[in-house]
Amino acid sequence: MSDKQTIAVLGATGRQGGGLVRAILDDPAAPFAVRAITRDADSDRAQQLANAGATVAEADLSDPAGLRQAFAGAHGAYLVTNFFASMSADVEKGQARAAAQAAKDAEVPHVIWSTLEDTRPALAGSGVPELQGTFTVPHFDGKDEANSYFRELNVPTTFLRTTFFWEAFTQGLGPQRGEDGDLVLTLPIGESRLAGIAAEDIGRTAYGIFRRGAELIGRTISIAGGHLTGHQHAEAFTRALGEPVRYRPMTIEQFRSLGQPTSDEFANMFQYYRDAEAEFVGARELDEVRSLNPRLQSFDQWLELHKNSFAGL
């Protein structure tokens, strides 16, 4: 019978939760066993985790009783919500409240809540449109408001502030070939630095937090894997792809005018990254992140692993 303590992981088949599950399973000296929580225990991804050594539990953020059962007896719980599944900050806040209450009811000794900053103070008076009521970047602001649920319920929580996923470069934000045949990276950040991270490293850093334990309860830990300007991103792409990549800044207004369903959300987000650069980047001390996650990837390392995603350019 194992004497390892159980970490329950919401979103275990997603990027953040999956990174934590793999970090635990990949460490033969891990003091933890992992309970992978998913809405569909029969899915291919869930079965892959089971085959790798995880215990798979089926639960849903809309089912408080199921959540309590999934958290029962766990030493730790990693809680993450997905704004983009509903595109509603109010829905996401309700899910966070349900997760916090379930963790409270199950008496979980250590919770990590994946969260973000409130963008509204930095964007006040900037003229950006308000979205979904009084939010400016709903998938940031809603998470920040949800922090209060954990505090009001006295859930022993570490607040893990994430950032821009480098995986976004594989989903349309990466370099594009122009009419002249040259590769161009276009980002609406001007000359500011963008704090980014490999999604896998969010879970790995969460593992480091659980290993450190009670001393980090009550702390807010803001993470990134690198702080790069647009030009530095382009230089890294040049090294990885073996041909020149030029950075061409796009204005926030140009980005907003793209007319995509998330254009206003992401335009406000990039304006926040740009206007609040000193505060946002400054909160993400890379040496502290490395102390929790010695395997923290740089952007160059991440690109080396993912350069085949750009092979068709």
C-alpha atoms as a PDB file:
ATOM      1  CA  MET A   1       0.000   0.000   0.000  1.00  0.00           C
ATOM      2  CA  SER A   2       1.439   3.371  -1.082  1.00  0.00           C
ATOM      3  CA  ASP A   3       2.119   6.004   1.566  1.00  0.00           C
ATOM      4  CA  LYS A   4       2.120   8.753  -1.039  1.00  0.00           C
ATOM      5  CA  GLN A   5      -0.222  11.700  -0.589  1.00  0.00           C
ATOM      6  CA  THR A   6      -2.792  12.317  -3.311  1.00  0.00           C
ATOM      7  CA  ILE A   7      -2.910  15.431  -5.464  1.00  0.00           C
ATOM      8  CA  ALA A   8      -6.278  15.895  -7.180  1.00  0.00           C
ATOM      9  CA  VAL A   9      -5.985  17.726 -10.493  1.00  0.00           C
ATOM     10  CA  LEU A  10      -8.856  19.468 -12.243  1.00  0.00           C
ATOM     11  CA  GLY A  11      -8.480  19.784 -15.999  1.00  0.00           C
ATOM     12  CA  ALA A  12      -6.131  16.815 -15.982  1.00  0.00           C
ATOM     13  CA  THR A  13      -6.470  16.242 -19.726  1.00  0.00           C
ATOM     14  CA  GLY A  14      -5.793  19.927 -20.510  1.00  0.00           C
ATOM     15  CA  ARG A  15      -2.535  21.800 -20.759  1.00  0.00           C
ATOM     16  CA  GLN A  16      -2.095  23.102 -17.229  1.00  0.00           C
ATOM     17  CA  GLY A  17      -3.533  20.133 -15.355  1.00  0.00           C
ATOM     18  CA  GLY A  18      -1.886  17.693 -17.728  1.00  0.00           C
ATOM     19  CA  GLY A  19       1.481  19.298 -17.071  1.00  0.00           C
ATOM     20  CA  LEU A  20       1.036  18.754 -13.339  1.00  0.00           C
ATOM     21  CA  VAL A  21      -0.092  15.142 -13.795  1.00  0.00           C
ATOM     22  CA  ARG A  22       2.962  14.412 -15.947  1.00  0.00           C
ATOM     23  CA  ALA A  23       5.316  16.202 -13.565  1.00  0.00           C
ATOM     24  CA  ILE A  24       4.175  13.929 -10.726  1.00  0.00           C
ATOM     25  CA  LEU A  25       4.213  10.738 -12.795  1.00  0.00           C
ATOM     26  CA  ASP A  26       7.615  11.545 -14.338  1.00  0.00           C
ATOM     27  CA  ASP A  27       9.322  11.906 -10.937  1.00  0.00           C
ATOM     28  CA  PRO A  28      10.162   8.492  -9.478  1.00  0.00           C
ATOM     29  CA  ALA A  29      10.895  10.188  -6.147  1.00  0.00           C
ATOM     30  CA  ALA A  30       7.585  12.060  -6.070  1.00  0.00           C
ATOM     31  CA  PRO A  31       5.984  12.065  -2.617  1.00  0.00           C
ATOM     32  CA  PHE A  32       2.597  12.245  -4.328  1.00  0.00           C
ATOM     33  CA  ALA A  33       0.161  10.061  -6.191  1.00  0.00           C
ATOM     34  CA  VAL A  34      -2.111  11.794  -8.674  1.00  0.00           C
ATOM     35  CA  ARG A  35      -5.873  11.720  -9.084  1.00  0.00           C
ATOM     36  CA  ALA A  36      -6.683  13.000 -12.575  1.00  0.00           C
ATOM     37  CA  ILE A  37     -10.137  14.593 -12.619  1.00  0.00           C
ATOM     38  CA  THR A  38     -11.911  14.781 -15.959  1.00  0.00           C
ATOM     39  CA  ARG A  39     -15.439  15.095 -17.278  1.00  0.00           C
ATOM     40  CA  ASP A  40     -14.997  11.922 -19.345  1.00  0.00           C
ATOM     41  CA  ALA A  41     -12.979   9.121 -17.763  1.00  0.00           C
ATOM     42  CA  ASP A  42     -13.341   7.050 -20.955  1.00  0.00           C
ATOM     43  CA  SER A  43     -11.715   9.616 -23.250  1.00  0.00           C
ATOM     44  CA  ASP A  44      -8.461   8.733 -24.983  1.00  0.00           C
ATOM     45  CA  ARG A  45      -6.534  11.348 -22.985  1.00  0.00           C
ATOM     46  CA  ALA A  46      -7.939  10.108 -19.692  1.00  0.00           C
ATOM     47  CA  GLN A  47      -7.069   6.538 -20.565  1.00  0.00           C
ATOM     48  CA  GLN A  48      -3.523   7.591 -21.465  1.00  0.00           C
ATOM     49  CA  LEU A  49      -3.151   9.117 -17.997  1.00  0.00           C
ATOM     50  CA  ALA A  50      -4.529   5.970 -16.399  1.00  0.00           C
ATOM     51  CA  ASN A  51      -2.085   3.834 -18.359  1.00  0.00           C
ATOM     52  CA  ALA A  52       0.745   6.107 -17.182  1.00  0.00           C
ATOM     53  CA  GLY A  53      -0.148   5.521 -13.531  1.00  0.00           C
ATOM     54  CA  ALA A  54      -2.751   8.124 -12.611  1.00  0.00           C
ATOM     55  CA  THR A  55      -6.008   7.329 -10.881  1.00  0.00           C
ATOM     56  CA  VAL A  56      -8.780   8.795 -13.028  1.00  0.00           C
ATOM     57  CA  ALA A  57     -11.880  10.263 -11.413  1.00  0.00           C
ATOM     58  CA  GLU A  58     -14.882  11.630 -13.254  1.00  0.00           C
ATOM     59  CA  ALA A  59     -16.311  14.948 -12.038  1.00  0.00           C
ATOM     60  CA  ASP A  60     -17.595  18.208 -13.436  1.00  0.00           C
ATOM     61  CA  LEU A  61     -17.530  21.803 -12.219  1.00  0.00           C
ATOM     62  CA  SER A  62     -21.315  21.856 -12.524  1.00  0.00           C
ATOM     63  CA  ASP A  63     -21.638  18.938 -10.058  1.00  0.00           C
ATOM     64  CA  PRO A  64     -20.671  20.036  -6.512  1.00  0.00           C
ATOM     65  CA  ALA A  65     -21.280  16.598  -4.994  1.00  0.00           C
ATOM     66  CA  GLY A  66     -19.072  14.971  -7.618  1.00  0.00           C
ATOM     67  CA  LEU A  67     -16.334  17.525  -6.984  1.00  0.00           C
ATOM     68  CA  ARG A  68     -16.393  16.913  -3.234  1.00  0.00           C
ATOM     69  CA  GLN A  69     -16.064  13.190  -3.858  1.00  0.00           C
ATOM     70  CA  ALA A  70     -13.195  13.765  -6.303  1.00  0.00           C
ATOM     71  CA  PHE A  71     -11.356  15.881  -3.703  1.00  0.00           C
ATOM     72  CA  ALA A  72     -12.081  13.572  -0.755  1.00  0.00           C
ATOM     73  CA  GLY A  73      -8.939  12.457   1.066  1.00  0.00           C
ATOM     74  CA  ALA A  74      -6.634  14.502  -1.162  1.00  0.00           C
ATOM     75  CA  HIS A  75      -3.601  16.246   0.305  1.00  0.00           C
ATOM     76  CA  GLY A  76      -3.680  18.863  -2.443  1.00  0.00           C
ATOM     77  CA  ALA A  77      -5.912  20.046  -5.273  1.00  0.00           C
ATOM     78  CA  TYR A  78      -5.042  21.975  -8.411  1.00  0.00           C
ATOM     79  CA  LEU A  79      -8.003  24.061  -9.544  1.00  0.00           C
ATOM     80  CA  VAL A  80      -8.253  25.565 -13.021  1.00  0.00           C
ATOM     81  CA  THR A  81     -11.207  26.825 -15.044  1.00  0.00           C
ATOM     82  CA  ASN A  82     -11.481  27.438 -18.772  1.00  0.00           C
ATOM     83  CA  PHE A  83     -13.041  30.795 -19.654  1.00  0.00           C
ATOM     84  CA  PHE A  84     -13.024  29.953 -23.352  1.00  0.00           C
ATOM     85  CA  ALA A  85     -15.328  26.964 -22.918  1.00  0.00           C
ATOM     86  CA  SER A  86     -18.207  29.310 -22.059  1.00  0.00           C
ATOM     87  CA  MET A  87     -16.745  32.713 -23.036  1.00  0.00           C
ATOM     88  CA  SER A  88     -18.379  34.063 -19.867  1.00  0.00           C
ATOM     89  CA  ALA A  89     -16.616  35.532 -16.847  1.00  0.00           C
ATOM     90  CA  ASP A  90     -19.747  35.018 -14.757  1.00  0.00           C
ATOM     91  CA  VAL A  91     -19.873  31.324 -15.663  1.00  0.00           C
ATOM     92  CA  GLU A  92     -16.178  30.967 -14.867  1.00  0.00           C
ATOM     93  CA  LYS A  93     -16.631  32.712 -11.509  1.00  0.00           C
ATOM     94  CA  GLY A  94     -19.469  30.332 -10.664  1.00  0.00           C
ATOM     95  CA  GLN A  95     -17.234  27.388 -11.478  1.00  0.00           C
ATOM     96  CA  ALA A  96     -14.455  28.796  -9.303  1.00  0.00           C
ATOM     97  CA  ARG A  97     -16.876  29.266  -6.425  1.00  0.00           C
ATOM     98  CA  ALA A  98     -18.047  25.653  -6.790  1.00  0.00           C
ATOM     99  CA  ALA A  99     -14.459  24.373  -6.833  1.00  0.00           C
ATOM    100  CA  ALA A 100     -13.512  26.446  -3.791  1.00  0.00           C
ATOM    101  CA  GLN A 101     -16.557  25.231  -1.859  1.00  0.00           C
ATOM    102  CA  ALA A 102     -15.870  21.607  -2.783  1.00  0.00           C
ATOM    103  CA  ALA A 103     -12.243  21.925  -1.644  1.00  0.00           C
ATOM    104  CA  LYS A 104     -13.446  23.512   1.593  1.00  0.00           C
ATOM    105  CA  ASP A 105     -16.030  20.787   2.197  1.00  0.00           C
ATOM    106  CA  ALA A 106     -13.459  18.066   1.475  1.00  0.00           C
ATOM    107  CA  GLU A 107     -10.996  19.752   3.875  1.00  0.00           C
ATOM    108  CA  VAL A 108      -8.160  19.723   1.324  1.00  0.00           C
ATOM    109  CA  PRO A 109      -5.014  20.927   3.161  1.00  0.00           C
ATOM    110  CA  HIS A 110      -3.422  22.747   0.199  1.00  0.00           C
ATOM    111  CA  VAL A 111      -5.107  24.171  -2.899  1.00  0.00           C
ATOM    112  CA  ILE A 112      -3.494  25.852  -5.881  1.00  0.00           C
ATOM    113  CA  TRP A 113      -5.857  28.155  -7.782  1.00  0.00           C
ATOM    114  CA  SER A 114      -4.787  29.106 -11.327  1.00  0.00           C
ATOM    115  CA  THR A 115      -5.577  32.797 -11.623  1.00  0.00           C
ATOM    116  CA  LEU A 116      -4.621  36.119 -13.231  1.00  0.00           C
ATOM    117  CA  GLU A 117      -4.464  39.830 -12.454  1.00  0.00           C
ATOM    118  CA  ASP A 118      -7.278  42.375 -12.547  1.00  0.00           C
ATOM    119  CA  THR A 119      -6.570  44.467 -15.652  1.00  0.00           C
ATOM    120  CA  ARG A 120      -8.999  47.280 -14.869  1.00  0.00           C
ATOM    121  CA  PRO A 121      -6.773  49.523 -12.717  1.00  0.00           C
ATOM    122  CA  ALA A 122      -4.074  49.605 -15.413  1.00  0.00           C
ATOM    123  CA  LEU A 123      -6.561  50.204 -18.249  1.00  0.00           C
ATOM    124  CA  ALA A 124      -8.744  52.779 -16.466  1.00  0.00           C
ATOM    125  CA  GLY A 125      -9.149  55.866 -18.633  1.00  0.00           C
ATOM    126  CA  SER A 126      -7.491  54.228 -21.636  1.00  0.00           C
ATOM    127  CA  GLY A 127     -10.666  54.140 -23.696  1.00  0.00           C
ATOM    128  CA  VAL A 128     -10.746  50.351 -24.129  1.00  0.00           C
ATOM    129  CA  PRO A 129     -14.288  48.974 -24.386  1.00  0.00           C
ATOM    130  CA  GLU A 130     -15.849  47.385 -21.330  1.00  0.00           C
ATOM    131  CA  LEU A 131     -16.873  43.786 -21.949  1.00  0.00           C
ATOM    132  CA  GLN A 132     -19.491  41.604 -20.275  1.00  0.00           C
ATOM    133  CA  GLY A 133     -20.472  44.436 -17.977  1.00  0.00           C
ATOM    134  CA  THR A 134     -17.591  46.116 -16.194  1.00  0.00           C
ATOM    135  CA  PHE A 135     -14.685  43.895 -17.260  1.00  0.00           C
ATOM    136  CA  THR A 136     -11.906  44.942 -19.618  1.00  0.00           C
ATOM    137  CA  VAL A 137     -10.276  41.524 -20.067  1.00  0.00           C
ATOM    138  CA  PRO A 138     -12.936  39.118 -18.744  1.00  0.00           C
ATOM    139  CA  HIS A 139     -10.721  36.035 -18.647  1.00  0.00           C
ATOM    140  CA  PHE A 140      -8.287  37.958 -16.425  1.00  0.00           C
ATOM    141  CA  ASP A 141     -10.661  40.044 -14.333  1.00  0.00           C
ATOM    142  CA  GLY A 142     -13.106  37.237 -13.560  1.00  0.00           C
ATOM    143  CA  LYS A 143     -10.335  35.015 -12.220  1.00  0.00           C
ATOM    144  CA  ASP A 144      -9.050  37.827 -10.033  1.00  0.00           C
ATOM    145  CA  GLU A 145     -12.549  38.407  -8.618  1.00  0.00           C
ATOM    146  CA  ALA A 146     -12.818  34.670  -7.941  1.00  0.00           C
ATOM    147  CA  ASN A 147      -9.789  34.875  -5.643  1.00  0.00           C
ATOM    148  CA  SER A 148     -12.122  36.258  -2.993  1.00  0.00           C
ATOM    149  CA  TYR A 149     -14.078  32.995  -2.797  1.00  0.00           C
ATOM    150  CA  PHE A 150     -11.017  31.116  -1.606  1.00  0.00           C
ATOM    151  CA  ARG A 151     -10.209  33.797   0.967  1.00  0.00           C
ATOM    152  CA  GLU A 152     -13.784  34.129   2.253  1.00  0.00           C
ATOM    153  CA  LEU A 153     -14.040  30.357   2.689  1.00  0.00           C
ATOM    154  CA  ASN A 154     -10.603  30.181   4.352  1.00  0.00           C
ATOM    155  CA  VAL A 155      -9.438  27.605   1.830  1.00  0.00           C
ATOM    156  CA  PRO A 156      -5.657  27.106   2.302  1.00  0.00           C
ATOM    157  CA  THR A 157      -4.662  28.410  -1.122  1.00  0.00           C
ATOM    158  CA  THR A 158      -1.619  29.356  -3.148  1.00  0.00           C
ATOM    159  CA  PHE A 159      -2.680  31.776  -5.892  1.00  0.00           C
ATOM    160  CA  LEU A 160      -0.759  30.903  -9.072  1.00  0.00           C
ATOM    161  CA  ARG A 161      -0.843  33.740 -11.594  1.00  0.00           C
ATOM    162  CA  THR A 162      -0.137  32.462 -15.077  1.00  0.00           C
ATOM    163  CA  THR A 163       0.558  34.395 -18.289  1.00  0.00           C
ATOM    164  CA  PHE A 164       0.618  34.248 -22.107  1.00  0.00           C
ATOM    165  CA  PHE A 165       1.051  30.683 -23.396  1.00  0.00           C
ATOM    166  CA  TRP A 166       3.712  30.308 -26.090  1.00  0.00           C
ATOM    167  CA  GLU A 167       1.423  27.687 -27.631  1.00  0.00           C
ATOM    168  CA  ALA A 168      -0.573  30.631 -29.017  1.00  0.00           C
ATOM    169  CA  PHE A 169       2.182  30.988 -31.613  1.00  0.00           C
ATOM    170  CA  THR A 170       1.108  27.614 -33.045  1.00  0.00           C
ATOM    171  CA  GLN A 171      -2.521  28.786 -33.238  1.00  0.00           C
ATOM    172  CA  GLY A 172      -2.276  31.766 -35.554  1.00  0.00           C
ATOM    173  CA  LEU A 173      -0.010  34.249 -33.751  1.00  0.00           C
ATOM    174  CA  GLY A 174       3.229  32.832 -35.150  1.00  0.00           C
ATOM    175  CA  PRO A 175       5.206  34.128 -38.143  1.00  0.00           C
ATOM    176  CA  GLN A 176       3.406  34.425 -41.471  1.00  0.00           C
ATOM    177  CA  ARG A 177       4.911  34.574 -44.951  1.00  0.00           C
ATOM    178  CA  GLY A 178       4.292  37.915 -46.608  1.00  0.00           C
ATOM    179  CA  GLU A 179       3.640  38.642 -50.256  1.00  0.00           C
ATOM    180  CA  ASP A 180       7.372  39.232 -50.727  1.00  0.00           C
ATOM    181  CA  GLY A 181       8.113  35.723 -49.408  1.00  0.00           C
ATOM    182  CA  ASP A 182       9.660  36.907 -46.137  1.00  0.00           C
ATOM    183  CA  LEU A 183       8.552  35.632 -42.739  1.00  0.00           C
ATOM    184  CA  VAL A 184       7.017  38.307 -40.532  1.00  0.00           C
ATOM    185  CA  LEU A 185       5.989  38.123 -36.880  1.00  0.00           C
ATOM    186  CA  THR A 186       3.199  40.587 -36.128  1.00  0.00           C
ATOM    187  CA  LEU A 187       2.254  41.329 -32.513  1.00  0.00           C
ATOM    188  CA  PRO A 188       0.335  44.258 -30.966  1.00  0.00           C
ATOM    189  CA  ILE A 189       2.857  44.916 -28.181  1.00  0.00           C
ATOM    190  CA  GLY A 190       4.993  47.690 -29.688  1.00  0.00           C
ATOM    191  CA  GLU A 191       8.449  47.613 -28.108  1.00  0.00           C
ATOM    192  CA  SER A 192       7.255  46.194 -24.787  1.00  0.00           C
ATOM    193  CA  ARG A 193       8.324  42.873 -23.322  1.00  0.00           C
ATOM    194  CA  LEU A 194       5.785  40.055 -23.250  1.00  0.00           C
ATOM    195  CA  ALA A 195       5.902  37.610 -20.332  1.00  0.00           C
ATOM    196  CA  GLY A 196       5.300  34.134 -21.766  1.00  0.00           C
ATOM    197  CA  ILE A 197       5.546  30.522 -20.693  1.00  0.00           C
ATOM    198  CA  ALA A 198       5.280  26.977 -22.018  1.00  0.00           C
ATOM    199  CA  ALA A 199       1.929  25.628 -20.832  1.00  0.00           C
ATOM    200  CA  GLU A 200       3.667  22.459 -19.586  1.00  0.00           C
ATOM    201  CA  ASP A 201       5.706  24.579 -17.187  1.00  0.00           C
ATOM    202  CA  ILE A 202       2.611  25.858 -15.406  1.00  0.00           C
ATOM    203  CA  GLY A 203       1.929  22.335 -14.188  1.00  0.00           C
ATOM    204  CA  ARG A 204       5.584  21.706 -13.424  1.00  0.00           C
ATOM    205  CA  THR A 205       5.712  24.871 -11.317  1.00  0.00           C
ATOM    206  CA  ALA A 206       2.526  23.843  -9.518  1.00  0.00           C
ATOM    207  CA  TYR A 207       4.284  20.567  -8.677  1.00  0.00           C
ATOM    208  CA  GLY A 208       7.124  22.572  -7.146  1.00  0.00           C
ATOM    209  CA  ILE A 209       4.634  24.536  -5.065  1.00  0.00           C
ATOM    210  CA  PHE A 210       3.054  21.348  -3.735  1.00  0.00           C
ATOM    211  CA  ARG A 211       6.514  20.020  -2.892  1.00  0.00           C
ATOM    212  CA  ARG A 212       7.325  23.188  -0.942  1.00  0.00           C
ATOM    213  CA  GLY A 213       4.017  22.787   0.857  1.00  0.00           C
ATOM    214  CA  ALA A 214       2.464  24.816   3.635  1.00  0.00           C
ATOM    215  CA  GLU A 215       5.013  27.649   3.560  1.00  0.00           C
ATOM    216  CA  LEU A 216       3.462  28.834   0.273  1.00  0.00           C
ATOM    217  CA  ILE A 217      -0.157  28.807   1.460  1.00  0.00           C
ATOM    218  CA  GLY A 218      -1.531  32.327   1.261  1.00  0.00           C
ATOM    219  CA  ARG A 219       1.127  33.418  -1.218  1.00  0.00           C
ATOM    220  CA  THR A 220       0.516  34.793  -4.694  1.00  0.00           C
ATOM    221  CA  ILE A 221       3.128  33.442  -7.109  1.00  0.00           C
ATOM    222  CA  SER A 222       3.323  34.979 -10.574  1.00  0.00           C
ATOM    223  CA  ILE A 223       5.131  32.939 -13.201  1.00  0.00           C
ATOM    224  CA  ALA A 224       6.681  33.146 -16.663  1.00  0.00           C
ATOM    225  CA  GLY A 225       9.388  31.381 -18.638  1.00  0.00           C
ATOM    226  CA  GLY A 226      10.776  34.466 -20.347  1.00  0.00           C
ATOM    227  CA  HIS A 227      10.289  38.192 -20.936  1.00  0.00           C
ATOM    228  CA  LEU A 228      10.867  38.977 -24.609  1.00  0.00           C
ATOM    229  CA  THR A 229      10.228  41.917 -26.908  1.00  0.00           C
ATOM    230  CA  GLY A 230       8.730  41.361 -30.338  1.00  0.00           C
ATOM    231  CA  HIS A 231      12.194  41.685 -31.867  1.00  0.00           C
ATOM    232  CA  GLN A 232      13.585  39.058 -29.464  1.00  0.00           C
ATOM    233  CA  HIS A 233      10.742  36.688 -30.332  1.00  0.00           C
ATOM    234  CA  ALA A 234      11.534  37.178 -34.019  1.00  0.00           C
ATOM    235  CA  GLU A 235      15.238  36.538 -33.418  1.00  0.00           C
ATOM    236  CA  ALA A 236      14.387  33.288 -31.648  1.00  0.00           C
ATOM    237  CA  PHE A 237      12.170  32.229 -34.565  1.00  0.00           C
ATOM    238  CA  THR A 238      15.042  33.061 -36.925  1.00  0.00           C
ATOM    239  CA  ARG A 239      17.350  30.722 -35.014  1.00  0.00           C
ATOM    240  CA  ALA A 240      14.763  27.940 -34.823  1.00  0.00           C
ATOM    241  CA  LEU A 241      13.486  28.098 -38.409  1.00  0.00           C
ATOM    242  CA  GLY A 242      16.801  28.748 -40.108  1.00  0.00           C
ATOM    243  CA  GLU A 243      15.659  31.798 -42.078  1.00  0.00           C
ATOM    244  CA  PRO A 244      15.143  35.443 -41.186  1.00  0.00           C
ATOM    245  CA  VAL A 245      11.968  36.397 -39.351  1.00  0.00           C
ATOM    246  CA  ARG A 246      11.202  40.116 -39.096  1.00  0.00           C
ATOM    247  CA  TYR A 247       9.121  41.690 -36.342  1.00  0.00           C
ATOM    248  CA  ARG A 248       6.432  44.115 -37.460  1.00  0.00           C
ATOM    249  CA  PRO A 249       4.428  45.743 -34.668  1.00  0.00           C
ATOM    250  CA  MET A 250       0.672  45.960 -35.128  1.00  0.00           C
ATOM    251  CA  THR A 251      -1.356  48.632 -33.390  1.00  0.00           C
ATOM    252  CA  ILE A 252      -4.046  47.671 -30.904  1.00  0.00           C
ATOM    253  CA  GLU A 253      -6.593  49.270 -33.226  1.00  0.00           C
ATOM    254  CA  GLN A 254      -5.435  47.135 -36.153  1.00  0.00           C
ATOM    255  CA  PHE A 255      -5.695  44.011 -34.029  1.00  0.00           C
ATOM    256  CA  ARG A 256      -9.154  44.970 -32.802  1.00  0.00           C
ATOM    257  CA  SER A 257     -10.337  45.521 -36.371  1.00  0.00           C
ATOM    258  CA  LEU A 258      -9.572  41.902 -37.356  1.00  0.00           C
ATOM    259  CA  GLY A 259     -13.189  41.129 -36.543  1.00  0.00           C
ATOM    260  CA  GLN A 260     -12.649  37.790 -34.836  1.00  0.00           C
ATOM    261  CA  PRO A 261     -15.078  36.739 -32.044  1.00  0.00           C
ATOM    262  CA  THR A 262     -12.330  37.342 -29.472  1.00  0.00           C
ATOM    263  CA  SER A 263     -10.830  40.474 -31.071  1.00  0.00           C
ATOM    264  CA  ASP A 264     -11.968  42.892 -28.341  1.00  0.00           C
ATOM    265  CA  GLU A 265     -11.003  40.477 -25.550  1.00  0.00           C
ATOM    266  CA  PHE A 266      -7.510  39.910 -26.916  1.00  0.00           C
ATOM    267  CA  ALA A 267      -6.981  43.513 -28.041  1.00  0.00           C
ATOM    268  CA  ASN A 268      -7.656  44.654 -24.476  1.00  0.00           C
ATOM    269  CA  MET A 269      -5.379  41.879 -23.209  1.00  0.00           C
ATOM    270  CA  PHE A 270      -2.474  42.942 -25.408  1.00  0.00           C
ATOM    271  CA  GLN A 271      -2.999  46.579 -24.438  1.00  0.00           C
ATOM    272  CA  TYR A 272      -2.775  45.475 -20.819  1.00  0.00           C
ATOM    273  CA  TYR A 273       0.446  43.557 -21.516  1.00  0.00           C
ATOM    274  CA  ARG A 274       1.829  46.657 -23.219  1.00  0.00           C
ATOM    275  CA  ASP A 275       0.649  49.352 -20.808  1.00  0.00           C
ATOM    276  CA  ALA A 276       1.253  47.393 -17.585  1.00  0.00           C
ATOM    277  CA  GLU A 277       4.549  45.884 -18.748  1.00  0.00           C
ATOM    278  CA  ALA A 278       6.637  47.073 -15.796  1.00  0.00           C
ATOM    279  CA  GLU A 279       4.217  45.734 -13.198  1.00  0.00           C
ATOM    280  CA  PHE A 280       3.217  42.540 -15.021  1.00  0.00           C
ATOM    281  CA  VAL A 281       6.737  41.506 -16.042  1.00  0.00           C
ATOM    282  CA  GLY A 282       8.221  42.715 -12.768  1.00  0.00           C
ATOM    283  CA  ALA A 283       5.942  40.414 -10.762  1.00  0.00           C
ATOM    284  CA  ARG A 284       7.278  37.387 -12.642  1.00  0.00           C
ATOM    285  CA  GLU A 285      10.759  36.844 -11.246  1.00  0.00           C
ATOM    286  CA  LEU A 286      12.312  34.071 -13.321  1.00  0.00           C
ATOM    287  CA  ASP A 287      14.801  32.964 -10.674  1.00  0.00           C
ATOM    288  CA  GLU A 288      11.940  32.351  -8.237  1.00  0.00           C
ATOM    289  CA  VAL A 289      10.067  30.355 -10.864  1.00  0.00           C
ATOM    290  CA  ARG A 290      13.204  28.263 -11.538  1.00  0.00           C
ATOM    291  CA  SER A 291      13.541  27.564  -7.816  1.00  0.00           C
ATOM    292  CA  LEU A 292      10.135  25.893  -8.011  1.00  0.00           C
ATOM    293  CA  ASN A 293      10.609  24.408 -11.469  1.00  0.00           C
ATOM    294  CA  PRO A 294      14.264  23.688 -12.320  1.00  0.00           C
ATOM    295  CA  ARG A 295      13.162  22.401 -15.761  1.00  0.00           C
ATOM    296  CA  LEU A 296      11.671  25.782 -16.718  1.00  0.00           C
ATOM    297  CA  GLN A 297      11.953  26.193 -20.494  1.00  0.00           C
ATOM    298  CA  SER A 298      13.251  29.286 -22.233  1.00  0.00           C
ATOM    299  CA  PHE A 299      11.514  30.429 -25.409  1.00  0.00           C
ATOM    300  CA  ASP A 300      14.398  29.011 -27.478  1.00  0.00           C
ATOM    301  CA  GLN A 301      14.035  25.626 -25.783  1.00  0.00           C
ATOM    302  CA  TRP A 302      10.280  25.640 -26.305  1.00  0.00           C
ATOM    303  CA  LEU A 303      10.721  26.558 -29.976  1.00  0.00           C
ATOM    304  CA  GLU A 304      13.209  23.739 -30.510  1.00  0.00           C
ATOM    305  CA  LEU A 305      10.583  21.281 -29.281  1.00  0.00           C
ATOM    306  CA  HIS A 306       7.787  22.820 -31.367  1.00  0.00           C
ATOM    307  CA  LYS A 307       9.481  24.067 -34.531  1.00  0.00           C
ATOM    308  CA  ASN A 308       7.796  21.361 -36.588  1.00  0.00           C
ATOM    309  CA  SER A 309       4.531  23.193 -35.916  1.00  0.00           C
ATOM    310  CA  PHE A 310       5.840  25.911 -38.235  1.00  0.00           C
ATOM    311  CA  ALA A 311       7.158  23.584 -40.944  1.00  0.00           C
ATOM    312  CA  GLY A 312       4.469  24.552 -43.458  1.00  0.00           C
ATOM    313  CA  LEU A 313       5.323  28.255 -43.559  1.00  0.00           C
END
